[in-house]
């Protein structure tokens, strides 16, 4: 709620913010891949 009341906006801050947003998306993709990997390893371990 407080972030909506700010009065200081800059292109650099927005660019950094968007960069962190992309990093978060990369984190989500990595976690997703890791889950698939762990699930595959679990299935493989069960199969073995």
ModelCIF file with pLDDT and N, C-alpha, C, O atoms, coordinates in Angstrom:
data_MODEL
#
_entry.id   MODEL 
#
_entity.id                         1 
_entity.type                       polymer 
_entity.pdbx_number_of_molecules   1 
#
_entity_poly.entity_id                      1 
_entity_poly.type                           'polypeptide(L)' 
_entity_poly.nstd_linkage                   no 
_entity_poly.nstd_monomer                   no 
_entity_poly.pdbx_seq_one_letter_code       
;(UNK)(UNK)(UNK)(UNK)(UNK)(UNK)(UNK)(UNK)(UNK)(UNK)(UNK)(UNK)(UNK)(UNK)(UNK)(UNK)
(UNK)(UNK)(UNK)(UNK)(UNK)(UNK)(UNK)(UNK)(UNK)(UNK)(UNK)(UNK)(UNK)(UNK)(UNK)(UNK)
(UNK)(UNK)(UNK)(UNK)(UNK)(UNK)(UNK)(UNK)(UNK)(UNK)(UNK)(UNK)(UNK)(UNK)(UNK)(UNK)
;
_entity_poly.pdbx_seq_one_letter_code_can   XXXXXXXXXXXXXXXXXXXXXXXXXXXXXXXXXXXXXXXXXXXXXXXX 
_entity_poly.pdbx_strand_id                 A 
#
loop_
_entity_poly_seq.entity_id 
_entity_poly_seq.num 
_entity_poly_seq.mon_id 
_entity_poly_seq.hetero 
1 1  UNK n 
1 2  UNK n 
1 3  UNK n 
1 4  UNK n 
1 5  UNK n 
1 6  UNK n 
1 7  UNK n 
1 8  UNK n 
1 9  UNK n 
1 10 UNK n 
1 11 UNK n 
1 12 UNK n 
1 13 UNK n 
1 14 UNK n 
1 15 UNK n 
1 16 UNK n 
1 17 UNK n 
1 18 UNK n 
1 19 UNK n 
1 20 UNK n 
1 21 UNK n 
1 22 UNK n 
1 23 UNK n 
1 24 UNK n 
1 25 UNK n 
1 26 UNK n 
1 27 UNK n 
1 28 UNK n 
1 29 UNK n 
1 30 UNK n 
1 31 UNK n 
1 32 UNK n 
1 33 UNK n 
1 34 UNK n 
1 35 UNK n 
1 36 UNK n 
1 37 UNK n 
1 38 UNK n 
1 39 UNK n 
1 40 UNK n 
1 41 UNK n 
1 42 UNK n 
1 43 UNK n 
1 44 UNK n 
1 45 UNK n 
1 46 UNK n 
1 47 UNK n 
1 48 UNK n 
#
_struct_asym.id          A 
_struct_asym.entity_id   1 
#
loop_
_ma_qa_metric.id 
_ma_qa_metric.mode 
_ma_qa_metric.name 
_ma_qa_metric.software_group_id 
_ma_qa_metric.type 
1 global pLDDT . pLDDT 
2 local  pLDDT . pLDDT 
#
_ma_qa_metric_global.metric_id      1 
_ma_qa_metric_global.metric_value   85.62 
_ma_qa_metric_global.model_id       1 
_ma_qa_metric_global.ordinal_id     1 
#
loop_
_ma_qa_metric_local.label_asym_id 
_ma_qa_metric_local.label_comp_id 
_ma_qa_metric_local.label_seq_id 
_ma_qa_metric_local.metric_id 
_ma_qa_metric_local.metric_value 
_ma_qa_metric_local.model_id 
_ma_qa_metric_local.ordinal_id 
A UNK 1  2 87.00 1 1  
A UNK 2  2 86.00 1 2  
A UNK 3  2 80.00 1 3  
A UNK 4  2 75.00 1 4  
A UNK 5  2 73.00 1 5  
A UNK 6  2 68.00 1 6  
A UNK 7  2 63.00 1 7  
A UNK 8  2 64.00 1 8  
A UNK 9  2 64.00 1 9  
A UNK 10 2 78.00 1 10 
A UNK 11 2 83.00 1 11 
A UNK 12 2 85.00 1 12 
A UNK 13 2 83.00 1 13 
A UNK 14 2 85.00 1 14 
A UNK 15 2 88.00 1 15 
A UNK 16 2 89.00 1 16 
A UNK 17 2 88.00 1 17 
A UNK 18 2 90.00 1 18 
A UNK 19 2 92.00 1 19 
A UNK 20 2 90.00 1 20 
A UNK 21 2 89.00 1 21 
A UNK 22 2 92.00 1 22 
A UNK 23 2 90.00 1 23 
A UNK 24 2 90.00 1 24 
A UNK 25 2 89.00 1 25 
A UNK 26 2 91.00 1 26 
A UNK 27 2 89.00 1 27 
A UNK 28 2 87.00 1 28 
A UNK 29 2 89.00 1 29 
A UNK 30 2 88.00 1 30 
A UNK 31 2 85.00 1 31 
A UNK 32 2 87.00 1 32 
A UNK 33 2 88.00 1 33 
A UNK 34 2 84.00 1 34 
A UNK 35 2 86.00 1 35 
A UNK 36 2 89.00 1 36 
A UNK 37 2 89.00 1 37 
A UNK 38 2 88.00 1 38 
A UNK 39 2 90.00 1 39 
A UNK 40 2 90.00 1 40 
A UNK 41 2 90.00 1 41 
A UNK 42 2 92.00 1 42 
A UNK 43 2 93.00 1 43 
A UNK 44 2 90.00 1 44 
A UNK 45 2 90.00 1 45 
A UNK 46 2 92.00 1 46 
A UNK 47 2 92.00 1 47 
A UNK 48 2 90.00 1 48 
#
loop_
_atom_site.group_PDB 
_atom_site.id 
_atom_site.type_symbol 
_atom_site.label_atom_id 
_atom_site.label_alt_id 
_atom_site.label_comp_id 
_atom_site.label_asym_id 
_atom_site.label_entity_id 
_atom_site.label_seq_id 
_atom_site.pdbx_PDB_ins_code 
_atom_site.Cartn_x 
_atom_site.Cartn_y 
_atom_site.Cartn_z 
_atom_site.occupancy 
_atom_site.B_iso_or_equiv 
_atom_site.pdbx_formal_charge 
_atom_site.auth_seq_id 
_atom_site.auth_comp_id 
_atom_site.auth_asym_id 
_atom_site.auth_atom_id 
_atom_site.pdbx_PDB_model_num 
ATOM 1   N N  . UNK A 1 1  ? 0.829  -1.209  0.000   1.00 87.00 ? 1  UNK A N  1 
ATOM 2   C CA . UNK A 1 1  ? 0.000  0.000   0.000   1.00 87.00 ? 1  UNK A CA 1 
ATOM 3   C C  . UNK A 1 1  ? 0.863  1.258   0.000   1.00 87.00 ? 1  UNK A C  1 
ATOM 4   O O  . UNK A 1 1  ? 0.540  2.245   -0.662  1.00 87.00 ? 1  UNK A O  1 
ATOM 5   N N  . UNK A 1 2  ? 1.983  1.213   0.763   1.00 86.00 ? 2  UNK A N  1 
ATOM 6   C CA . UNK A 1 2  ? 2.862  2.384   0.826   1.00 86.00 ? 2  UNK A CA 1 
ATOM 7   C C  . UNK A 1 2  ? 3.585  2.626   -0.501  1.00 86.00 ? 2  UNK A C  1 
ATOM 8   O O  . UNK A 1 2  ? 3.855  3.770   -0.864  1.00 86.00 ? 2  UNK A O  1 
ATOM 9   N N  . UNK A 1 3  ? 3.903  1.527   -1.234  1.00 80.00 ? 3  UNK A N  1 
ATOM 10  C CA . UNK A 1 3  ? 4.612  1.684   -2.501  1.00 80.00 ? 3  UNK A CA 1 
ATOM 11  C C  . UNK A 1 3  ? 3.785  2.446   -3.536  1.00 80.00 ? 3  UNK A C  1 
ATOM 12  O O  . UNK A 1 3  ? 4.336  3.027   -4.471  1.00 80.00 ? 3  UNK A O  1 
ATOM 13  N N  . UNK A 1 4  ? 2.468  2.442   -3.367  1.00 75.00 ? 4  UNK A N  1 
ATOM 14  C CA . UNK A 1 4  ? 1.606  3.163   -4.301  1.00 75.00 ? 4  UNK A CA 1 
ATOM 15  C C  . UNK A 1 4  ? 1.591  4.662   -4.016  1.00 75.00 ? 4  UNK A C  1 
ATOM 16  O O  . UNK A 1 4  ? 1.147  5.450   -4.852  1.00 75.00 ? 4  UNK A O  1 
ATOM 17  N N  . UNK A 1 5  ? 2.082  5.062   -2.824  1.00 73.00 ? 5  UNK A N  1 
ATOM 18  C CA . UNK A 1 5  ? 2.051  6.474   -2.433  1.00 73.00 ? 5  UNK A CA 1 
ATOM 19  C C  . UNK A 1 5  ? 3.397  7.155   -2.641  1.00 73.00 ? 5  UNK A C  1 
ATOM 20  O O  . UNK A 1 5  ? 3.567  8.296   -2.210  1.00 73.00 ? 5  UNK A O  1 
ATOM 21  N N  . UNK A 1 6  ? 4.348  6.506   -3.278  1.00 68.00 ? 6  UNK A N  1 
ATOM 22  C CA . UNK A 1 6  ? 5.682  7.091   -3.455  1.00 68.00 ? 6  UNK A CA 1 
ATOM 23  C C  . UNK A 1 6  ? 5.646  8.216   -4.479  1.00 68.00 ? 6  UNK A C  1 
ATOM 24  O O  . UNK A 1 6  ? 4.726  8.309   -5.293  1.00 68.00 ? 6  UNK A O  1 
ATOM 25  N N  . UNK A 1 7  ? 6.678  9.081   -4.423  1.00 63.00 ? 7  UNK A N  1 
ATOM 26  C CA . UNK A 1 7  ? 6.743  10.195  -5.375  1.00 63.00 ? 7  UNK A CA 1 
ATOM 27  C C  . UNK A 1 7  ? 8.078  10.273  -6.070  1.00 63.00 ? 7  UNK A C  1 
ATOM 28  O O  . UNK A 1 7  ? 8.413  11.294  -6.672  1.00 63.00 ? 7  UNK A O  1 
ATOM 29  N N  . UNK A 1 8  ? 8.852  9.191   -5.992  1.00 64.00 ? 8  UNK A N  1 
ATOM 30  C CA . UNK A 1 8  ? 10.190 9.204   -6.584  1.00 64.00 ? 8  UNK A CA 1 
ATOM 31  C C  . UNK A 1 8  ? 10.314 8.046   -7.566  1.00 64.00 ? 8  UNK A C  1 
ATOM 32  O O  . UNK A 1 8  ? 10.515 6.900   -7.162  1.00 64.00 ? 8  UNK A O  1 
ATOM 33  N N  . UNK A 1 9  ? 10.197 8.339   -8.831  1.00 64.00 ? 9  UNK A N  1 
ATOM 34  C CA . UNK A 1 9  ? 10.342 7.316   -9.852  1.00 64.00 ? 9  UNK A CA 1 
ATOM 35  C C  . UNK A 1 9  ? 11.511 7.638   -10.759 1.00 64.00 ? 9  UNK A C  1 
ATOM 36  O O  . UNK A 1 9  ? 11.696 8.791   -11.148 1.00 64.00 ? 9  UNK A O  1 
ATOM 37  N N  . UNK A 1 10 ? 12.303 6.632   -11.103 1.00 78.00 ? 10 UNK A N  1 
ATOM 38  C CA . UNK A 1 10 ? 13.455 6.842   -11.990 1.00 78.00 ? 10 UNK A CA 1 
ATOM 39  C C  . UNK A 1 10 ? 13.584 5.661   -12.921 1.00 78.00 ? 10 UNK A C  1 
ATOM 40  O O  . UNK A 1 10 ? 13.177 4.540   -12.615 1.00 78.00 ? 10 UNK A O  1 
ATOM 41  N N  . UNK A 1 11 ? 14.173 5.955   -14.082 1.00 83.00 ? 11 UNK A N  1 
ATOM 42  C CA . UNK A 1 11 ? 14.347 4.898   -15.086 1.00 83.00 ? 11 UNK A CA 1 
ATOM 43  C C  . UNK A 1 11 ? 15.291 3.826   -14.582 1.00 83.00 ? 11 UNK A C  1 
ATOM 44  O O  . UNK A 1 11 ? 15.069 2.642   -14.833 1.00 83.00 ? 11 UNK A O  1 
ATOM 45  N N  . UNK A 1 12 ? 16.363 4.228   -13.861 1.00 85.00 ? 12 UNK A N  1 
ATOM 46  C CA . UNK A 1 12 ? 17.328 3.255   -13.360 1.00 85.00 ? 12 UNK A CA 1 
ATOM 47  C C  . UNK A 1 12 ? 16.690 2.321   -12.350 1.00 85.00 ? 12 UNK A C  1 
ATOM 48  O O  . UNK A 1 12 ? 16.902 1.109   -12.385 1.00 85.00 ? 12 UNK A O  1 
ATOM 49  N N  . UNK A 1 13 ? 15.888 2.911   -11.426 1.00 83.00 ? 13 UNK A N  1 
ATOM 50  C CA . UNK A 1 13 ? 15.234 2.076   -10.422 1.00 83.00 ? 13 UNK A CA 1 
ATOM 51  C C  . UNK A 1 13 ? 14.257 1.108   -11.071 1.00 83.00 ? 13 UNK A C  1 
ATOM 52  O O  . UNK A 1 13 ? 14.160 -0.050  -10.665 1.00 83.00 ? 13 UNK A O  1 
ATOM 53  N N  . UNK A 1 14 ? 13.531 1.587   -12.084 1.00 85.00 ? 14 UNK A N  1 
ATOM 54  C CA . UNK A 1 14 ? 12.588 0.707   -12.780 1.00 85.00 ? 14 UNK A CA 1 
ATOM 55  C C  . UNK A 1 14 ? 13.316 -0.402  -13.514 1.00 85.00 ? 14 UNK A C  1 
ATOM 56  O O  . UNK A 1 14 ? 12.873 -1.551  -13.525 1.00 85.00 ? 14 UNK A O  1 
ATOM 57  N N  . UNK A 1 15 ? 14.453 -0.044  -14.137 1.00 88.00 ? 15 UNK A N  1 
ATOM 58  C CA . UNK A 1 15 ? 15.226 -1.055  -14.857 1.00 88.00 ? 15 UNK A CA 1 
ATOM 59  C C  . UNK A 1 15 ? 15.754 -2.120  -13.897 1.00 88.00 ? 15 UNK A C  1 
ATOM 60  O O  . UNK A 1 15 ? 15.702 -3.315  -14.187 1.00 88.00 ? 15 UNK A O  1 
ATOM 61  N N  . UNK A 1 16 ? 16.272 -1.658  -12.725 1.00 89.00 ? 16 UNK A N  1 
ATOM 62  C CA . UNK A 1 16 ? 16.749 -2.630  -11.736 1.00 89.00 ? 16 UNK A CA 1 
ATOM 63  C C  . UNK A 1 16 ? 15.609 -3.507  -11.221 1.00 89.00 ? 16 UNK A C  1 
ATOM 64  O O  . UNK A 1 16 ? 15.761 -4.713  -11.028 1.00 89.00 ? 16 UNK A O  1 
ATOM 65  N N  . UNK A 1 17 ? 14.459 -2.859  -11.006 1.00 88.00 ? 17 UNK A N  1 
ATOM 66  C CA . UNK A 1 17 ? 13.282 -3.612  -10.539 1.00 88.00 ? 17 UNK A CA 1 
ATOM 67  C C  . UNK A 1 17 ? 12.900 -4.698  -11.546 1.00 88.00 ? 17 UNK A C  1 
ATOM 68  O O  . UNK A 1 17 ? 12.659 -5.848  -11.176 1.00 88.00 ? 17 UNK A O  1 
ATOM 69  N N  . UNK A 1 18 ? 12.848 -4.311  -12.832 1.00 90.00 ? 18 UNK A N  1 
ATOM 70  C CA . UNK A 1 18 ? 12.486 -5.274  -13.877 1.00 90.00 ? 18 UNK A CA 1 
ATOM 71  C C  . UNK A 1 18 ? 13.543 -6.368  -14.008 1.00 90.00 ? 18 UNK A C  1 
ATOM 72  O O  . UNK A 1 18 ? 13.228 -7.516  -14.320 1.00 90.00 ? 18 UNK A O  1 
ATOM 73  N N  . UNK A 1 19 ? 14.822 -5.989  -13.762 1.00 92.00 ? 19 UNK A N  1 
ATOM 74  C CA . UNK A 1 19 ? 15.886 -6.996  -13.808 1.00 92.00 ? 19 UNK A CA 1 
ATOM 75  C C  . UNK A 1 19 ? 15.682 -8.039  -12.701 1.00 92.00 ? 19 UNK A C  1 
ATOM 76  O O  . UNK A 1 19 ? 15.846 -9.238  -12.925 1.00 92.00 ? 19 UNK A O  1 
ATOM 77  N N  . UNK A 1 20 ? 15.321 -7.558  -11.496 1.00 90.00 ? 20 UNK A N  1 
ATOM 78  C CA . UNK A 1 20 ? 15.072 -8.481  -10.396 1.00 90.00 ? 20 UNK A CA 1 
ATOM 79  C C  . UNK A 1 20 ? 13.840 -9.349  -10.668 1.00 90.00 ? 20 UNK A C  1 
ATOM 80  O O  . UNK A 1 20 ? 13.777 -10.511 -10.267 1.00 90.00 ? 20 UNK A O  1 
ATOM 81  N N  . UNK A 1 21 ? 12.886 -8.765  -11.344 1.00 89.00 ? 21 UNK A N  1 
ATOM 82  C CA . UNK A 1 21 ? 11.698 -9.526  -11.725 1.00 89.00 ? 21 UNK A CA 1 
ATOM 83  C C  . UNK A 1 21 ? 12.061 -10.670 -12.667 1.00 89.00 ? 21 UNK A C  1 
ATOM 84  O O  . UNK A 1 21 ? 11.544 -11.779 -12.535 1.00 89.00 ? 21 UNK A O  1 
ATOM 85  N N  . UNK A 1 22 ? 12.964 -10.391 -13.632 1.00 92.00 ? 22 UNK A N  1 
ATOM 86  C CA . UNK A 1 22 ? 13.426 -11.442 -14.556 1.00 92.00 ? 22 UNK A CA 1 
ATOM 87  C C  . UNK A 1 22 ? 14.208 -12.519 -13.808 1.00 92.00 ? 22 UNK A C  1 
ATOM 88  O O  . UNK A 1 22 ? 14.072 -13.714 -14.072 1.00 92.00 ? 22 UNK A O  1 
ATOM 89  N N  . UNK A 1 23 ? 15.047 -12.049 -12.848 1.00 90.00 ? 23 UNK A N  1 
ATOM 90  C CA . UNK A 1 23 ? 15.802 -13.028 -12.061 1.00 90.00 ? 23 UNK A CA 1 
ATOM 91  C C  . UNK A 1 23 ? 14.860 -13.938 -11.282 1.00 90.00 ? 23 UNK A C  1 
ATOM 92  O O  . UNK A 1 23 ? 15.115 -15.135 -11.150 1.00 90.00 ? 23 UNK A O  1 
ATOM 93  N N  . UNK A 1 24 ? 13.764 -13.369 -10.765 1.00 90.00 ? 24 UNK A N  1 
ATOM 94  C CA . UNK A 1 24 ? 12.778 -14.189 -10.059 1.00 90.00 ? 24 UNK A CA 1 
ATOM 95  C C  . UNK A 1 24 ? 12.137 -15.214 -10.996 1.00 90.00 ? 24 UNK A C  1 
ATOM 96  O O  . UNK A 1 24 ? 11.901 -16.357 -10.605 1.00 90.00 ? 24 UNK A O  1 
ATOM 97  N N  . UNK A 1 25 ? 11.853 -14.794 -12.244 1.00 89.00 ? 25 UNK A N  1 
ATOM 98  C CA . UNK A 1 25 ? 11.284 -15.725 -13.218 1.00 89.00 ? 25 UNK A CA 1 
ATOM 99  C C  . UNK A 1 25 ? 12.279 -16.857 -13.521 1.00 89.00 ? 25 UNK A C  1 
ATOM 100 O O  . UNK A 1 25 ? 11.903 -18.022 -13.654 1.00 89.00 ? 25 UNK A O  1 
ATOM 101 N N  . UNK A 1 26 ? 13.572 -16.470 -13.626 1.00 91.00 ? 26 UNK A N  1 
ATOM 102 C CA . UNK A 1 26 ? 14.601 -17.498 -13.838 1.00 91.00 ? 26 UNK A CA 1 
ATOM 103 C C  . UNK A 1 26 ? 14.665 -18.456 -12.642 1.00 91.00 ? 26 UNK A C  1 
ATOM 104 O O  . UNK A 1 26 ? 14.850 -19.662 -12.806 1.00 91.00 ? 26 UNK A O  1 
ATOM 105 N N  . UNK A 1 27 ? 14.505 -17.888 -11.424 1.00 89.00 ? 27 UNK A N  1 
ATOM 106 C CA . UNK A 1 27 ? 14.489 -18.727 -10.223 1.00 89.00 ? 27 UNK A CA 1 
ATOM 107 C C  . UNK A 1 27 ? 13.332 -19.722 -10.285 1.00 89.00 ? 27 UNK A C  1 
ATOM 108 O O  . UNK A 1 27 ? 13.503 -20.903 -9.985  1.00 89.00 ? 27 UNK A O  1 
ATOM 109 N N  . UNK A 1 28 ? 12.155 -19.238 -10.675 1.00 87.00 ? 28 UNK A N  1 
ATOM 110 C CA . UNK A 1 28 ? 10.996 -20.118 -10.770 1.00 87.00 ? 28 UNK A CA 1 
ATOM 111 C C  . UNK A 1 28 ? 11.218 -21.228 -11.788 1.00 87.00 ? 28 UNK A C  1 
ATOM 112 O O  . UNK A 1 28 ? 10.859 -22.382 -11.554 1.00 87.00 ? 28 UNK A O  1 
ATOM 113 N N  . UNK A 1 29 ? 11.821 -20.862 -12.930 1.00 89.00 ? 29 UNK A N  1 
ATOM 114 C CA . UNK A 1 29 ? 12.104 -21.883 -13.940 1.00 89.00 ? 29 UNK A CA 1 
ATOM 115 C C  . UNK A 1 29 ? 13.105 -22.917 -13.423 1.00 89.00 ? 29 UNK A C  1 
ATOM 116 O O  . UNK A 1 29 ? 12.967 -24.119 -13.649 1.00 89.00 ? 29 UNK A O  1 
ATOM 117 N N  . UNK A 1 30 ? 14.125 -22.398 -12.713 1.00 88.00 ? 30 UNK A N  1 
ATOM 118 C CA . UNK A 1 30 ? 15.124 -23.331 -12.166 1.00 88.00 ? 30 UNK A CA 1 
ATOM 119 C C  . UNK A 1 30 ? 14.492 -24.284 -11.152 1.00 88.00 ? 30 UNK A C  1 
ATOM 120 O O  . UNK A 1 30 ? 14.755 -25.487 -11.162 1.00 88.00 ? 30 UNK A O  1 
ATOM 121 N N  . UNK A 1 31 ? 13.644 -23.715 -10.268 1.00 85.00 ? 31 UNK A N  1 
ATOM 122 C CA . UNK A 1 31 ? 12.970 -24.555 -9.264  1.00 85.00 ? 31 UNK A CA 1 
ATOM 123 C C  . UNK A 1 31 ? 12.081 -25.589 -9.936  1.00 85.00 ? 31 UNK A C  1 
ATOM 124 O O  . UNK A 1 31 ? 12.003 -26.741 -9.511  1.00 85.00 ? 31 UNK A O  1 
ATOM 125 N N  . UNK A 1 32 ? 11.409 -25.145 -11.003 1.00 87.00 ? 32 UNK A N  1 
ATOM 126 C CA . UNK A 1 32 ? 10.541 -26.064 -11.741 1.00 87.00 ? 32 UNK A CA 1 
ATOM 127 C C  . UNK A 1 32 ? 11.346 -27.211 -12.332 1.00 87.00 ? 32 UNK A C  1 
ATOM 128 O O  . UNK A 1 32 ? 10.961 -28.376 -12.234 1.00 87.00 ? 32 UNK A O  1 
ATOM 129 N N  . UNK A 1 33 ? 12.478 -26.859 -12.950 1.00 88.00 ? 33 UNK A N  1 
ATOM 130 C CA . UNK A 1 33 ? 13.336 -27.894 -13.544 1.00 88.00 ? 33 UNK A CA 1 
ATOM 131 C C  . UNK A 1 33 ? 13.893 -28.823 -12.469 1.00 88.00 ? 33 UNK A C  1 
ATOM 132 O O  . UNK A 1 33 ? 13.987 -30.036 -12.661 1.00 88.00 ? 33 UNK A O  1 
ATOM 133 N N  . UNK A 1 34 ? 14.268 -28.218 -11.314 1.00 84.00 ? 34 UNK A N  1 
ATOM 134 C CA . UNK A 1 34 ? 14.795 -29.044 -10.230 1.00 84.00 ? 34 UNK A CA 1 
ATOM 135 C C  . UNK A 1 34 ? 13.735 -30.014 -9.709  1.00 84.00 ? 34 UNK A C  1 
ATOM 136 O O  . UNK A 1 34 ? 14.032 -31.166 -9.392  1.00 84.00 ? 34 UNK A O  1 
ATOM 137 N N  . UNK A 1 35 ? 12.496 -29.530 -9.628  1.00 86.00 ? 35 UNK A N  1 
ATOM 138 C CA . UNK A 1 35 ? 11.418 -30.422 -9.193  1.00 86.00 ? 35 UNK A CA 1 
ATOM 139 C C  . UNK A 1 35 ? 11.244 -31.582 -10.158 1.00 86.00 ? 35 UNK A C  1 
ATOM 140 O O  . UNK A 1 35 ? 11.095 -32.734 -9.751  1.00 86.00 ? 35 UNK A O  1 
ATOM 141 N N  . UNK A 1 36 ? 11.267 -31.252 -11.457 1.00 89.00 ? 36 UNK A N  1 
ATOM 142 C CA . UNK A 1 36 ? 11.177 -32.322 -12.454 1.00 89.00 ? 36 UNK A CA 1 
ATOM 143 C C  . UNK A 1 36 ? 12.353 -33.294 -12.311 1.00 89.00 ? 36 UNK A C  1 
ATOM 144 O O  . UNK A 1 36 ? 12.200 -34.511 -12.413 1.00 89.00 ? 36 UNK A O  1 
ATOM 145 N N  . UNK A 1 37 ? 13.541 -32.701 -12.070 1.00 89.00 ? 37 UNK A N  1 
ATOM 146 C CA . UNK A 1 37 ? 14.727 -33.542 -11.927 1.00 89.00 ? 37 UNK A CA 1 
ATOM 147 C C  . UNK A 1 37 ? 14.604 -34.449 -10.704 1.00 89.00 ? 37 UNK A C  1 
ATOM 148 O O  . UNK A 1 37 ? 14.876 -35.647 -10.773 1.00 89.00 ? 37 UNK A O  1 
ATOM 149 N N  . UNK A 1 38 ? 14.177 -33.840 -9.552  1.00 88.00 ? 38 UNK A N  1 
ATOM 150 C CA . UNK A 1 38 ? 14.032 -34.642 -8.338  1.00 88.00 ? 38 UNK A CA 1 
ATOM 151 C C  . UNK A 1 38 ? 12.947 -35.707 -8.500  1.00 88.00 ? 38 UNK A C  1 
ATOM 152 O O  . UNK A 1 38 ? 13.083 -36.837 -8.033  1.00 88.00 ? 38 UNK A O  1 
ATOM 153 N N  . UNK A 1 39 ? 11.851 -35.307 -9.186  1.00 90.00 ? 39 UNK A N  1 
ATOM 154 C CA . UNK A 1 39 ? 10.791 -36.288 -9.430  1.00 90.00 ? 39 UNK A CA 1 
ATOM 155 C C  . UNK A 1 39 ? 11.305 -37.427 -10.302 1.00 90.00 ? 39 UNK A C  1 
ATOM 156 O O  . UNK A 1 39 ? 11.017 -38.599 -10.058 1.00 90.00 ? 39 UNK A O  1 
ATOM 157 N N  . UNK A 1 40 ? 12.085 -37.050 -11.342 1.00 90.00 ? 40 UNK A N  1 
ATOM 158 C CA . UNK A 1 40 ? 12.662 -38.087 -12.208 1.00 90.00 ? 40 UNK A CA 1 
ATOM 159 C C  . UNK A 1 40 ? 13.616 -38.991 -11.451 1.00 90.00 ? 40 UNK A C  1 
ATOM 160 O O  . UNK A 1 40 ? 13.611 -40.210 -11.617 1.00 90.00 ? 40 UNK A O  1 
ATOM 161 N N  . UNK A 1 41 ? 14.463 -38.344 -10.589 1.00 90.00 ? 41 UNK A N  1 
ATOM 162 C CA . UNK A 1 41 ? 15.390 -39.152 -9.792  1.00 90.00 ? 41 UNK A CA 1 
ATOM 163 C C  . UNK A 1 41 ? 14.648 -40.066 -8.824  1.00 90.00 ? 41 UNK A C  1 
ATOM 164 O O  . UNK A 1 41 ? 15.043 -41.211 -8.605  1.00 90.00 ? 41 UNK A O  1 
ATOM 165 N N  . UNK A 1 42 ? 13.553 -39.535 -8.242  1.00 92.00 ? 42 UNK A N  1 
ATOM 166 C CA . UNK A 1 42 ? 12.753 -40.361 -7.336  1.00 92.00 ? 42 UNK A CA 1 
ATOM 167 C C  . UNK A 1 42 ? 12.144 -41.550 -8.067  1.00 92.00 ? 42 UNK A C  1 
ATOM 168 O O  . UNK A 1 42 ? 12.182 -42.683 -7.587  1.00 92.00 ? 42 UNK A O  1 
ATOM 169 N N  . UNK A 1 43 ? 11.577 -41.264 -9.250  1.00 93.00 ? 43 UNK A N  1 
ATOM 170 C CA . UNK A 1 43 ? 10.978 -42.353 -10.044 1.00 93.00 ? 43 UNK A CA 1 
ATOM 171 C C  . UNK A 1 43 ? 12.043 -43.354 -10.451 1.00 93.00 ? 43 UNK A C  1 
ATOM 172 O O  . UNK A 1 43 ? 11.833 -44.566 -10.409 1.00 93.00 ? 43 UNK A O  1 
ATOM 173 N N  . UNK A 1 44 ? 13.219 -42.807 -10.855 1.00 90.00 ? 44 UNK A N  1 
ATOM 174 C CA . UNK A 1 44 ? 14.316 -43.700 -11.247 1.00 90.00 ? 44 UNK A CA 1 
ATOM 175 C C  . UNK A 1 44 ? 14.775 -44.547 -10.067 1.00 90.00 ? 44 UNK A C  1 
ATOM 176 O O  . UNK A 1 44 ? 15.030 -45.743 -10.210 1.00 90.00 ? 44 UNK A O  1 
ATOM 177 N N  . UNK A 1 45 ? 14.879 -43.905 -8.885  1.00 90.00 ? 45 UNK A N  1 
ATOM 178 C CA . UNK A 1 45 ? 15.292 -44.657 -7.692  1.00 90.00 ? 45 UNK A CA 1 
ATOM 179 C C  . UNK A 1 45 ? 14.274 -45.744 -7.353  1.00 90.00 ? 45 UNK A C  1 
ATOM 180 O O  . UNK A 1 45 ? 14.638 -46.868 -7.006  1.00 90.00 ? 45 UNK A O  1 
ATOM 181 N N  . UNK A 1 46 ? 12.980 -45.386 -7.462  1.00 92.00 ? 46 UNK A N  1 
ATOM 182 C CA . UNK A 1 46 ? 11.943 -46.386 -7.193  1.00 92.00 ? 46 UNK A CA 1 
ATOM 183 C C  . UNK A 1 46 ? 12.012 -47.522 -8.200  1.00 92.00 ? 46 UNK A C  1 
ATOM 184 O O  . UNK A 1 46 ? 11.869 -48.694 -7.854  1.00 92.00 ? 46 UNK A O  1 
ATOM 185 N N  . UNK A 1 47 ? 12.239 -47.142 -9.476  1.00 92.00 ? 47 UNK A N  1 
ATOM 186 C CA . UNK A 1 47 ? 12.340 -48.180 -10.515 1.00 92.00 ? 47 UNK A CA 1 
ATOM 187 C C  . UNK A 1 47 ? 13.534 -49.093 -10.247 1.00 92.00 ? 47 UNK A C  1 
ATOM 188 O O  . UNK A 1 47 ? 13.446 -50.315 -10.369 1.00 92.00 ? 47 UNK A O  1 
ATOM 189 N N  . UNK A 1 48 ? 14.666 -48.459 -9.875  1.00 90.00 ? 48 UNK A N  1 
ATOM 190 C CA . UNK A 1 48 ? 15.851 -49.268 -9.564  1.00 90.00 ? 48 UNK A CA 1 
ATOM 191 C C  . UNK A 1 48 ? 15.598 -50.156 -8.348  1.00 90.00 ? 48 UNK A C  1 
ATOM 192 O O  . UNK A 1 48 ? 16.483 -50.907 -7.937  1.00 90.00 ? 48 UNK A O  1 
#
